[in-house]
């Protein structure tokens, strides 16, 4: 069975997952951003990949296992983390086991 997700809804909150998301730690300091993935792009047409922008500005496709209201994101060290929506803050988040903290993303406005 395949699940197609274009919008997530929890009570009165609606959060559209597809589009570009920026790491909150990079919003006001793009030149000094130390995020592993400063920008994440979730493409509605490619449900098997998440596109991440790396530190050097290059884009890389990461395999994902898209289930329910979350995506899995396989990191360089082999650790697999869930990238999932937080409806209360309208952010995406995942747990980075190398830094031992959550990484939060806010959605960039559509062009």
Protein backbone atom coordinates (compact mmCIF):
# COMPACT_ATOMS: atom_id res chain seq x y z
CA UNK A 1 0.00 0.00 0.00
CA UNK A 2 1.34 3.40 -0.90
CA UNK A 3 0.59 6.52 1.08
CA UNK A 4 0.48 9.83 -0.77
CA UNK A 5 0.92 12.85 1.45
CA UNK A 6 0.44 16.40 0.27
CA UNK A 7 -0.73 18.02 3.47
CA UNK A 8 -0.71 17.00 7.10
CA UNK A 9 -3.48 18.06 9.41
CA UNK A 10 -3.74 17.91 13.16
CA UNK A 11 -6.82 19.53 14.66
CA UNK A 12 -6.91 23.08 13.24
CA UNK A 13 -3.28 23.15 12.13
CA UNK A 14 -2.39 22.44 8.53
CA UNK A 15 1.19 21.96 7.45
CA UNK A 16 2.15 21.34 3.84
CA UNK A 17 5.31 19.27 3.84
CA UNK A 18 6.43 19.60 0.25
CA UNK A 19 8.72 22.49 -0.63
CA UNK A 20 12.01 23.89 0.69
CA UNK A 21 12.83 24.05 4.38
CA UNK A 22 15.72 25.94 6.01
CA UNK A 23 17.49 25.00 9.25
CA UNK A 24 16.36 27.51 11.91
CA UNK A 25 19.97 28.01 13.03
CA UNK A 26 20.77 29.32 9.51
CA UNK A 27 17.88 31.75 9.02
CA UNK A 28 19.68 34.97 10.01
CA UNK A 29 23.29 33.82 9.58
CA UNK A 30 23.58 31.98 6.23
CA UNK A 31 27.35 32.62 5.93
CA UNK A 32 28.08 31.21 9.41
CA UNK A 33 25.65 28.31 9.21
CA UNK A 34 27.15 25.09 10.56
CA UNK A 35 24.17 22.87 9.81
CA UNK A 36 24.82 19.51 8.19
CA UNK A 37 21.93 20.25 5.80
CA UNK A 38 21.15 24.01 5.66
CA UNK A 39 18.22 23.44 3.27
CA UNK A 40 16.02 20.39 2.73
CA UNK A 41 13.79 20.05 -0.33
CA UNK A 42 10.81 17.68 -0.23
CA UNK A 43 9.60 17.14 -3.78
CA UNK A 44 6.05 15.84 -4.23
CA UNK A 45 7.09 14.13 -7.48
CA UNK A 46 10.00 12.18 -5.90
CA UNK A 47 8.78 10.31 -2.86
CA UNK A 48 11.83 8.06 -2.60
CA UNK A 49 14.33 10.89 -2.08
CA UNK A 50 14.87 13.96 0.03
CA UNK A 51 17.16 16.56 -1.50
CA UNK A 52 19.56 18.19 0.95
CA UNK A 53 21.88 21.11 0.42
CA UNK A 54 25.30 20.42 1.90
CA UNK A 55 27.75 22.87 3.48
CA UNK A 56 29.49 23.53 0.15
CA UNK A 57 26.19 24.43 -1.56
CA UNK A 58 25.90 21.19 -3.56
CA UNK A 59 22.59 19.31 -3.59
CA UNK A 60 22.48 15.61 -2.79
CA UNK A 61 19.62 13.12 -2.90
CA UNK A 62 19.11 11.08 0.25
CA UNK A 63 17.08 7.89 0.12
CA UNK A 64 13.96 7.99 2.25
CA UNK A 65 11.33 5.58 3.40
CA UNK A 66 8.21 7.75 3.27
CA UNK A 67 5.60 6.55 5.74
CA UNK A 68 2.54 8.17 7.24
CA UNK A 69 3.44 11.72 8.27
CA UNK A 70 7.20 11.38 8.34
CA UNK A 71 10.23 10.64 6.20
CA UNK A 72 13.33 8.75 7.24
CA UNK A 73 16.65 10.44 6.62
CA UNK A 74 19.79 8.28 6.46
CA UNK A 75 22.82 10.19 7.74
CA UNK A 76 26.48 9.72 6.81
CA UNK A 77 27.26 7.61 9.87
CA UNK A 78 24.58 5.09 8.93
CA UNK A 79 22.16 6.39 11.55
CA UNK A 80 18.60 6.65 10.30
CA UNK A 81 16.50 9.43 11.80
CA UNK A 82 12.88 10.40 11.28
CA UNK A 83 12.23 13.78 9.73
CA UNK A 84 8.76 14.61 10.96
CA UNK A 85 6.42 17.59 11.30
CA UNK A 86 5.80 19.47 14.53
CA UNK A 87 2.32 20.94 14.09
CA UNK A 88 2.51 23.20 17.13
CA UNK A 89 5.58 25.09 15.88
CA UNK A 90 4.94 24.46 12.15
CA UNK A 91 8.45 23.07 11.72
CA UNK A 92 10.11 19.87 10.56
CA UNK A 93 12.58 18.22 12.90
CA UNK A 94 14.96 15.29 13.20
CA UNK A 95 17.32 14.05 15.88
CA UNK A 96 21.01 14.24 14.96
CA UNK A 97 22.79 11.54 16.95
CA UNK A 98 26.24 13.05 16.35
CA UNK A 99 25.37 16.37 18.00
CA UNK A 100 22.82 14.77 20.36
CA UNK A 101 20.18 17.39 19.63
CA UNK A 102 17.13 18.04 17.49
CA UNK A 103 17.48 20.04 14.28
CA UNK A 104 14.49 22.21 13.35
CA UNK A 105 13.49 23.49 9.90
CA UNK A 106 11.09 26.25 8.94
CA UNK A 107 9.46 26.40 5.53
CA UNK A 108 10.76 28.86 2.96
CA UNK A 109 8.10 30.90 1.15
CA UNK A 110 7.11 29.55 -2.27
CA UNK A 111 8.43 31.60 -5.20
